N, C-alpha and C. Protein backbone atom coordinates (compact mmCIF):
# COMPACT_ATOMS: atom_id res chain seq x y z
N UNK A 1 82.32 -197.85 146.79
CA UNK A 1 83.43 -197.03 147.20
C UNK A 1 84.72 -197.86 147.08
N UNK A 2 85.75 -197.29 146.51
CA UNK A 2 87.01 -198.01 146.35
C UNK A 2 87.73 -198.12 147.69
N UNK A 3 88.65 -199.06 147.75
CA UNK A 3 89.44 -199.21 148.97
C UNK A 3 90.30 -197.97 149.21
N UNK A 4 90.77 -197.36 148.14
CA UNK A 4 91.54 -196.12 148.28
C UNK A 4 90.68 -195.03 148.93
N UNK A 5 89.45 -194.86 148.46
CA UNK A 5 88.60 -193.82 149.04
C UNK A 5 88.17 -194.18 150.46
N UNK A 6 88.00 -195.48 150.75
CA UNK A 6 87.70 -195.90 152.14
C UNK A 6 88.87 -195.56 153.05
N UNK A 7 90.07 -195.82 152.58
CA UNK A 7 91.27 -195.53 153.39
C UNK A 7 91.37 -194.03 153.65
N UNK A 8 91.16 -193.25 152.63
CA UNK A 8 91.25 -191.80 152.79
C UNK A 8 90.19 -191.29 153.77
N UNK A 9 89.00 -191.80 153.65
CA UNK A 9 87.91 -191.40 154.54
C UNK A 9 88.23 -191.78 155.99
N UNK A 10 88.76 -192.97 156.18
CA UNK A 10 89.10 -193.40 157.54
C UNK A 10 90.19 -192.52 158.13
N UNK A 11 91.19 -192.17 157.31
CA UNK A 11 92.24 -191.30 157.81
C UNK A 11 91.66 -189.92 158.16
N UNK A 12 90.80 -189.41 157.30
CA UNK A 12 90.17 -188.11 157.55
C UNK A 12 89.33 -188.13 158.83
N UNK A 13 88.78 -189.31 159.15
CA UNK A 13 87.97 -189.45 160.37
C UNK A 13 88.82 -189.55 161.63
N UNK A 14 90.15 -189.69 161.48
CA UNK A 14 91.02 -189.71 162.65
C UNK A 14 91.75 -191.00 162.92
N UNK A 15 91.57 -191.99 162.06
CA UNK A 15 92.31 -193.24 162.23
C UNK A 15 93.75 -193.04 161.77
N UNK A 16 94.65 -193.88 162.26
CA UNK A 16 96.04 -193.80 161.83
C UNK A 16 96.16 -194.27 160.38
N UNK A 17 97.29 -193.96 159.77
CA UNK A 17 97.55 -194.39 158.39
C UNK A 17 97.44 -195.91 158.27
N UNK A 18 98.04 -196.61 159.22
CA UNK A 18 98.02 -198.07 159.20
C UNK A 18 96.60 -198.61 159.33
N UNK A 19 95.85 -198.05 160.27
CA UNK A 19 94.46 -198.47 160.43
C UNK A 19 93.65 -198.21 159.17
N UNK A 20 93.86 -197.07 158.57
CA UNK A 20 93.09 -196.70 157.38
C UNK A 20 93.35 -197.67 156.24
N UNK A 21 94.60 -198.00 156.01
CA UNK A 21 94.91 -198.89 154.88
C UNK A 21 94.42 -200.31 155.15
N UNK A 22 94.78 -200.89 156.29
CA UNK A 22 94.35 -202.27 156.55
C UNK A 22 92.84 -202.39 156.59
N UNK A 23 92.18 -201.50 157.30
CA UNK A 23 90.74 -201.63 157.49
C UNK A 23 89.96 -201.40 156.21
N UNK A 24 90.50 -200.60 155.31
CA UNK A 24 89.84 -200.41 154.02
C UNK A 24 89.77 -201.72 153.23
N UNK A 25 90.76 -202.57 153.40
CA UNK A 25 90.81 -203.84 152.69
C UNK A 25 90.21 -205.00 153.48
N UNK A 26 89.90 -204.79 154.74
CA UNK A 26 89.43 -205.87 155.61
C UNK A 26 88.23 -206.65 155.05
N UNK A 27 87.22 -205.99 154.48
CA UNK A 27 86.08 -206.75 153.96
C UNK A 27 86.47 -207.77 152.87
N UNK A 28 87.49 -207.46 152.12
CA UNK A 28 87.95 -208.36 151.06
C UNK A 28 88.37 -209.72 151.64
N UNK A 29 88.84 -209.71 152.88
CA UNK A 29 89.35 -210.92 153.52
C UNK A 29 88.47 -211.39 154.68
N UNK A 30 87.26 -210.85 154.75
CA UNK A 30 86.33 -211.17 155.84
C UNK A 30 86.95 -210.93 157.22
N UNK A 31 87.80 -209.93 157.30
CA UNK A 31 88.43 -209.55 158.55
C UNK A 31 87.52 -208.53 159.24
N UNK A 32 87.03 -208.85 160.43
CA UNK A 32 86.14 -207.91 161.11
C UNK A 32 86.81 -206.54 161.30
N UNK A 33 86.04 -205.50 161.12
CA UNK A 33 86.54 -204.13 161.21
C UNK A 33 87.26 -203.88 162.54
N UNK A 34 86.64 -204.27 163.65
CA UNK A 34 87.26 -204.03 164.96
C UNK A 34 88.60 -204.74 165.08
N UNK A 35 88.70 -205.94 164.56
CA UNK A 35 89.95 -206.68 164.62
C UNK A 35 91.02 -206.00 163.75
N UNK A 36 90.64 -205.54 162.58
CA UNK A 36 91.58 -204.83 161.70
C UNK A 36 92.08 -203.56 162.39
N UNK A 37 91.18 -202.83 163.03
CA UNK A 37 91.58 -201.61 163.73
C UNK A 37 92.55 -201.91 164.88
N UNK A 38 92.26 -202.96 165.62
CA UNK A 38 93.15 -203.33 166.73
C UNK A 38 94.51 -203.82 166.23
N UNK A 39 94.50 -204.68 165.21
CA UNK A 39 95.76 -205.22 164.68
C UNK A 39 96.69 -204.12 164.20
N UNK A 40 96.14 -203.11 163.59
CA UNK A 40 96.95 -202.07 162.96
C UNK A 40 97.21 -200.86 163.85
N UNK A 41 96.57 -200.80 165.00
CA UNK A 41 96.67 -199.63 165.87
C UNK A 41 98.11 -199.31 166.28
N UNK A 42 98.87 -200.30 166.63
CA UNK A 42 100.23 -200.08 167.15
C UNK A 42 101.21 -199.57 166.12
N UNK A 43 100.83 -199.58 164.85
CA UNK A 43 101.75 -199.20 163.78
C UNK A 43 101.63 -197.74 163.36
N UNK A 44 100.66 -197.02 163.91
CA UNK A 44 100.47 -195.62 163.57
C UNK A 44 101.62 -194.75 164.05
N UNK A 45 101.87 -193.68 163.31
CA UNK A 45 102.94 -192.75 163.68
C UNK A 45 104.32 -193.35 163.55
N UNK A 46 104.44 -194.29 162.62
CA UNK A 46 105.74 -194.93 162.43
C UNK A 46 106.07 -195.90 163.54
N UNK A 47 105.10 -196.76 163.87
CA UNK A 47 105.22 -197.80 164.89
C UNK A 47 105.19 -197.19 166.29
N UNK A 48 103.99 -197.00 166.77
CA UNK A 48 103.80 -196.50 168.12
C UNK A 48 104.35 -195.10 168.32
N UNK A 49 104.17 -194.27 167.30
CA UNK A 49 104.63 -192.87 167.34
C UNK A 49 106.14 -192.75 167.55
N UNK A 50 106.87 -193.70 166.96
CA UNK A 50 108.33 -193.64 167.05
C UNK A 50 108.95 -193.04 165.80
N UNK A 51 108.11 -192.78 164.78
CA UNK A 51 108.60 -192.13 163.56
C UNK A 51 109.37 -193.04 162.63
N UNK A 52 109.25 -194.34 162.85
CA UNK A 52 109.98 -195.28 161.99
C UNK A 52 109.16 -195.56 160.73
N UNK A 53 108.97 -196.80 160.37
CA UNK A 53 108.28 -197.13 159.13
C UNK A 53 106.87 -196.55 159.11
N UNK A 54 106.56 -195.83 158.05
CA UNK A 54 105.26 -195.20 157.85
C UNK A 54 104.12 -196.20 158.04
N UNK A 55 103.08 -195.76 158.75
CA UNK A 55 101.92 -196.61 158.99
C UNK A 55 101.19 -197.04 157.73
N UNK A 56 101.19 -196.21 156.71
CA UNK A 56 100.54 -196.61 155.45
C UNK A 56 101.26 -197.83 154.86
N UNK A 57 102.57 -197.88 155.05
CA UNK A 57 103.34 -199.03 154.57
C UNK A 57 103.02 -200.27 155.40
N UNK A 58 103.03 -200.14 156.72
CA UNK A 58 102.77 -201.31 157.55
C UNK A 58 101.35 -201.83 157.34
N UNK A 59 100.40 -200.92 157.14
CA UNK A 59 99.05 -201.36 156.80
C UNK A 59 99.02 -202.12 155.49
N UNK A 60 99.76 -201.61 154.52
CA UNK A 60 99.84 -202.28 153.21
C UNK A 60 100.47 -203.66 153.33
N UNK A 61 101.51 -203.78 154.17
CA UNK A 61 102.17 -205.07 154.36
C UNK A 61 101.21 -206.08 154.96
N UNK A 62 100.37 -205.63 155.89
CA UNK A 62 99.38 -206.53 156.48
C UNK A 62 98.38 -207.01 155.42
N UNK A 63 97.98 -206.11 154.54
CA UNK A 63 97.05 -206.50 153.47
C UNK A 63 97.72 -207.52 152.55
N UNK A 64 98.95 -207.26 152.16
CA UNK A 64 99.64 -208.20 151.27
C UNK A 64 99.83 -209.55 151.95
N UNK A 65 100.06 -209.55 153.26
CA UNK A 65 100.15 -210.80 154.00
C UNK A 65 98.83 -211.55 154.01
N UNK A 66 97.74 -210.81 154.20
CA UNK A 66 96.42 -211.45 154.14
C UNK A 66 96.15 -212.06 152.78
N UNK A 67 96.62 -211.40 151.77
CA UNK A 67 96.37 -211.88 150.41
C UNK A 67 97.22 -213.08 150.03
N UNK A 68 98.50 -213.01 150.33
CA UNK A 68 99.39 -214.04 149.79
C UNK A 68 100.36 -214.61 150.80
N UNK A 69 100.14 -214.34 152.06
CA UNK A 69 101.07 -214.82 153.08
C UNK A 69 101.10 -216.33 153.18
N UNK A 70 102.26 -216.84 153.51
CA UNK A 70 102.46 -218.28 153.66
C UNK A 70 101.85 -218.75 154.97
N UNK A 71 101.17 -219.88 154.92
CA UNK A 71 100.59 -220.52 156.10
C UNK A 71 101.38 -221.79 156.42
N UNK A 72 101.58 -222.61 155.42
CA UNK A 72 102.33 -223.86 155.59
C UNK A 72 103.81 -223.60 155.39
N UNK A 73 104.63 -224.09 156.29
CA UNK A 73 106.07 -223.83 156.23
C UNK A 73 106.70 -224.28 154.92
N UNK A 74 106.16 -225.30 154.30
CA UNK A 74 106.75 -225.80 153.06
C UNK A 74 106.16 -225.16 151.81
N UNK A 75 105.34 -224.13 151.98
CA UNK A 75 104.72 -223.45 150.83
C UNK A 75 105.64 -222.34 150.33
N UNK A 76 106.69 -222.75 149.68
CA UNK A 76 107.66 -221.79 149.16
C UNK A 76 107.07 -220.89 148.09
N UNK A 77 106.10 -221.41 147.33
CA UNK A 77 105.48 -220.60 146.28
C UNK A 77 104.74 -219.41 146.88
N UNK A 78 104.03 -219.63 147.98
CA UNK A 78 103.31 -218.53 148.64
C UNK A 78 104.31 -217.52 149.18
N UNK A 79 105.37 -218.00 149.79
CA UNK A 79 106.39 -217.10 150.34
C UNK A 79 107.01 -216.27 149.23
N UNK A 80 107.34 -216.91 148.11
CA UNK A 80 107.94 -216.20 146.98
C UNK A 80 106.97 -215.17 146.40
N UNK A 81 105.71 -215.55 146.29
CA UNK A 81 104.69 -214.64 145.76
C UNK A 81 104.55 -213.43 146.67
N UNK A 82 104.46 -213.67 147.98
CA UNK A 82 104.32 -212.56 148.92
C UNK A 82 105.56 -211.67 148.89
N UNK A 83 106.73 -212.26 148.90
CA UNK A 83 107.96 -211.47 148.84
C UNK A 83 108.00 -210.60 147.59
N UNK A 84 107.58 -211.16 146.46
CA UNK A 84 107.59 -210.39 145.22
C UNK A 84 106.65 -209.19 145.31
N UNK A 85 105.47 -209.37 145.87
CA UNK A 85 104.52 -208.27 146.02
C UNK A 85 105.07 -207.21 146.97
N UNK A 86 105.64 -207.64 148.08
CA UNK A 86 106.21 -206.71 149.05
C UNK A 86 107.36 -205.93 148.43
N UNK A 87 108.23 -206.61 147.73
CA UNK A 87 109.37 -205.95 147.11
C UNK A 87 108.94 -204.94 146.06
N UNK A 88 107.92 -205.28 145.29
CA UNK A 88 107.40 -204.33 144.30
C UNK A 88 106.79 -203.12 144.99
N UNK A 89 106.05 -203.36 146.06
CA UNK A 89 105.47 -202.24 146.81
C UNK A 89 106.57 -201.30 147.29
N UNK A 90 107.58 -201.85 147.96
CA UNK A 90 108.66 -201.02 148.50
C UNK A 90 109.41 -200.28 147.40
N UNK A 91 109.64 -200.94 146.30
CA UNK A 91 110.36 -200.30 145.20
C UNK A 91 109.60 -199.08 144.68
N UNK A 92 108.31 -199.24 144.48
CA UNK A 92 107.51 -198.14 143.94
C UNK A 92 107.29 -197.05 144.97
N UNK A 93 107.14 -197.43 146.23
CA UNK A 93 106.99 -196.42 147.28
C UNK A 93 108.26 -195.59 147.39
N UNK A 94 109.39 -196.25 147.39
CA UNK A 94 110.66 -195.53 147.50
C UNK A 94 110.90 -194.64 146.29
N UNK A 95 110.50 -195.11 145.13
CA UNK A 95 110.65 -194.31 143.91
C UNK A 95 109.88 -192.99 144.05
N UNK A 96 108.71 -193.07 144.64
CA UNK A 96 107.87 -191.87 144.78
C UNK A 96 108.29 -190.99 145.96
N UNK A 97 108.54 -191.60 147.11
CA UNK A 97 108.75 -190.81 148.33
C UNK A 97 110.19 -190.76 148.83
N UNK A 98 111.05 -191.60 148.30
CA UNK A 98 112.49 -191.61 148.65
C UNK A 98 112.79 -192.06 150.07
N UNK A 99 111.80 -192.36 150.87
CA UNK A 99 112.00 -192.81 152.25
C UNK A 99 110.78 -193.61 152.68
N UNK A 100 110.99 -194.45 153.71
CA UNK A 100 109.89 -195.19 154.32
C UNK A 100 109.61 -194.66 155.72
N UNK A 101 110.40 -193.70 156.15
CA UNK A 101 110.43 -193.21 157.52
C UNK A 101 109.35 -192.14 157.75
N UNK A 102 108.51 -192.36 158.74
CA UNK A 102 107.43 -191.43 159.06
C UNK A 102 107.96 -190.04 159.41
N UNK A 103 109.02 -189.98 160.22
CA UNK A 103 109.59 -188.68 160.57
C UNK A 103 110.02 -187.91 159.33
N UNK A 104 110.66 -188.59 158.40
CA UNK A 104 111.14 -187.92 157.18
C UNK A 104 109.98 -187.55 156.27
N UNK A 105 109.01 -188.42 156.14
CA UNK A 105 107.86 -188.12 155.27
C UNK A 105 107.10 -186.90 155.76
N UNK A 106 106.87 -186.84 157.06
CA UNK A 106 106.04 -185.76 157.61
C UNK A 106 106.84 -184.52 158.01
N UNK A 107 108.13 -184.70 158.23
CA UNK A 107 108.93 -183.60 158.75
C UNK A 107 108.66 -183.33 160.22
N UNK A 108 108.07 -184.32 160.89
CA UNK A 108 107.68 -184.18 162.29
C UNK A 108 108.36 -185.27 163.11
N UNK A 109 108.90 -184.90 164.26
CA UNK A 109 109.48 -185.87 165.18
C UNK A 109 108.32 -186.53 165.92
N UNK A 110 107.91 -187.71 165.45
CA UNK A 110 106.70 -188.35 165.95
C UNK A 110 106.75 -188.71 167.43
N UNK A 111 107.92 -188.94 167.98
CA UNK A 111 108.01 -189.32 169.39
C UNK A 111 107.86 -188.11 170.33
N UNK A 112 107.79 -186.92 169.77
CA UNK A 112 107.68 -185.70 170.58
C UNK A 112 106.23 -185.19 170.55
N UNK A 113 105.53 -185.25 171.68
CA UNK A 113 104.14 -184.79 171.71
C UNK A 113 103.96 -183.35 171.24
N UNK A 114 104.89 -182.49 171.58
CA UNK A 114 104.79 -181.09 171.16
C UNK A 114 104.90 -180.95 169.64
N UNK A 115 105.80 -181.73 169.05
CA UNK A 115 105.97 -181.70 167.59
C UNK A 115 104.72 -182.22 166.90
N UNK A 116 104.12 -183.28 167.44
CA UNK A 116 102.89 -183.81 166.85
C UNK A 116 101.76 -182.79 166.95
N UNK A 117 101.67 -182.13 168.09
CA UNK A 117 100.63 -181.10 168.26
C UNK A 117 100.84 -179.97 167.27
N UNK A 118 102.08 -179.56 167.09
CA UNK A 118 102.39 -178.51 166.13
C UNK A 118 102.04 -178.96 164.71
N UNK A 119 102.32 -180.22 164.40
CA UNK A 119 102.00 -180.76 163.08
C UNK A 119 100.51 -180.77 162.79
N UNK A 120 99.73 -181.02 163.82
CA UNK A 120 98.27 -180.96 163.67
C UNK A 120 97.83 -179.51 163.47
N UNK A 121 98.38 -178.63 164.28
CA UNK A 121 97.99 -177.23 164.25
C UNK A 121 98.35 -176.56 162.94
N UNK A 122 99.57 -176.81 162.45
CA UNK A 122 100.00 -176.12 161.23
C UNK A 122 99.63 -176.86 159.94
N UNK A 123 98.97 -177.99 160.07
CA UNK A 123 98.50 -178.72 158.89
C UNK A 123 99.54 -179.61 158.23
N UNK A 124 100.68 -179.82 158.89
CA UNK A 124 101.73 -180.65 158.29
C UNK A 124 101.24 -182.05 157.96
N UNK A 125 100.49 -182.65 158.89
CA UNK A 125 99.97 -184.00 158.64
C UNK A 125 99.06 -184.00 157.42
N UNK A 126 98.21 -183.01 157.32
CA UNK A 126 97.25 -182.96 156.21
C UNK A 126 97.91 -182.68 154.86
N UNK A 127 99.09 -182.12 154.89
CA UNK A 127 99.81 -181.86 153.64
C UNK A 127 100.45 -183.13 153.09
N UNK A 128 100.75 -184.09 153.96
CA UNK A 128 101.50 -185.27 153.54
C UNK A 128 100.69 -186.55 153.63
N UNK A 129 100.13 -186.82 154.78
CA UNK A 129 99.59 -188.15 155.08
C UNK A 129 98.43 -188.60 154.17
N UNK A 130 97.46 -187.76 153.85
CA UNK A 130 96.40 -188.25 152.97
C UNK A 130 96.93 -188.75 151.62
N UNK A 131 97.90 -188.08 151.07
CA UNK A 131 98.48 -188.52 149.80
C UNK A 131 99.23 -189.83 149.93
N UNK A 132 99.91 -190.03 151.06
CA UNK A 132 100.63 -191.27 151.30
C UNK A 132 99.64 -192.42 151.49
N UNK A 133 98.58 -192.18 152.23
CA UNK A 133 97.54 -193.19 152.42
C UNK A 133 96.91 -193.55 151.07
N UNK A 134 96.59 -192.54 150.28
CA UNK A 134 96.02 -192.77 148.95
C UNK A 134 96.96 -193.63 148.10
N UNK A 135 98.23 -193.24 148.07
CA UNK A 135 99.20 -193.95 147.24
C UNK A 135 99.34 -195.39 147.70
N UNK A 136 99.46 -195.63 149.00
CA UNK A 136 99.63 -196.98 149.52
C UNK A 136 98.41 -197.85 149.18
N UNK A 137 97.22 -197.34 149.40
CA UNK A 137 96.00 -198.11 149.12
C UNK A 137 95.85 -198.37 147.62
N UNK A 138 96.13 -197.36 146.82
CA UNK A 138 96.03 -197.54 145.37
C UNK A 138 97.06 -198.55 144.87
N UNK A 139 98.27 -198.46 145.39
CA UNK A 139 99.32 -199.38 144.97
C UNK A 139 98.99 -200.81 145.38
N UNK A 140 98.48 -201.01 146.58
CA UNK A 140 98.08 -202.35 147.00
C UNK A 140 96.99 -202.88 146.09
N UNK A 141 95.99 -202.07 145.80
CA UNK A 141 94.92 -202.50 144.88
C UNK A 141 95.48 -202.92 143.53
N UNK A 142 96.38 -202.12 143.02
CA UNK A 142 96.98 -202.43 141.73
C UNK A 142 97.80 -203.71 141.78
N UNK A 143 98.59 -203.88 142.81
CA UNK A 143 99.40 -205.10 142.94
C UNK A 143 98.51 -206.33 143.07
N UNK A 144 97.44 -206.24 143.84
CA UNK A 144 96.55 -207.38 144.00
C UNK A 144 95.83 -207.72 142.70
N UNK A 145 95.44 -206.69 141.98
CA UNK A 145 94.77 -206.90 140.69
C UNK A 145 95.72 -207.54 139.69
N UNK A 146 96.93 -207.03 139.60
CA UNK A 146 97.93 -207.58 138.69
C UNK A 146 98.29 -209.00 139.07
N UNK A 147 98.43 -209.25 140.35
CA UNK A 147 98.80 -210.59 140.83
C UNK A 147 97.71 -211.61 140.56
N UNK A 148 96.46 -211.19 140.57
CA UNK A 148 95.34 -212.11 140.36
C UNK A 148 95.25 -212.58 138.91
N UNK A 149 95.89 -211.85 138.01
CA UNK A 149 95.79 -212.21 136.58
C UNK A 149 96.69 -213.37 136.23
């Protein structure tokens, strides 16, 4: 099963966008599933249901950090590599969706419980979020594959 399909399945099962993306890639980095779920939990709904940066993006950023994040302060090459991957991700995401904001992507005021309930009821989340999760996971896979060459 691809990481994209794992992410989609996790989202369909009820995990947040951030949890779905990070946890789909967790085995690649020997990151325990429970730890990946906990690390990414606070980023769902645009960072704690505040409607800010989309959880699929924050999950993707965590994956890119696991892959190429700097550990040693003097490792400028790792920092540059990670920054390049992050910048490419953001550029392509913005090209497709025109925003990084969860409220704008979903059309739902994430900080409002009534709006979230309405979004679940009328299918607003299902119209947008699975595609965003798919795109984020697929883009991360592509960036990691290209970077490895």
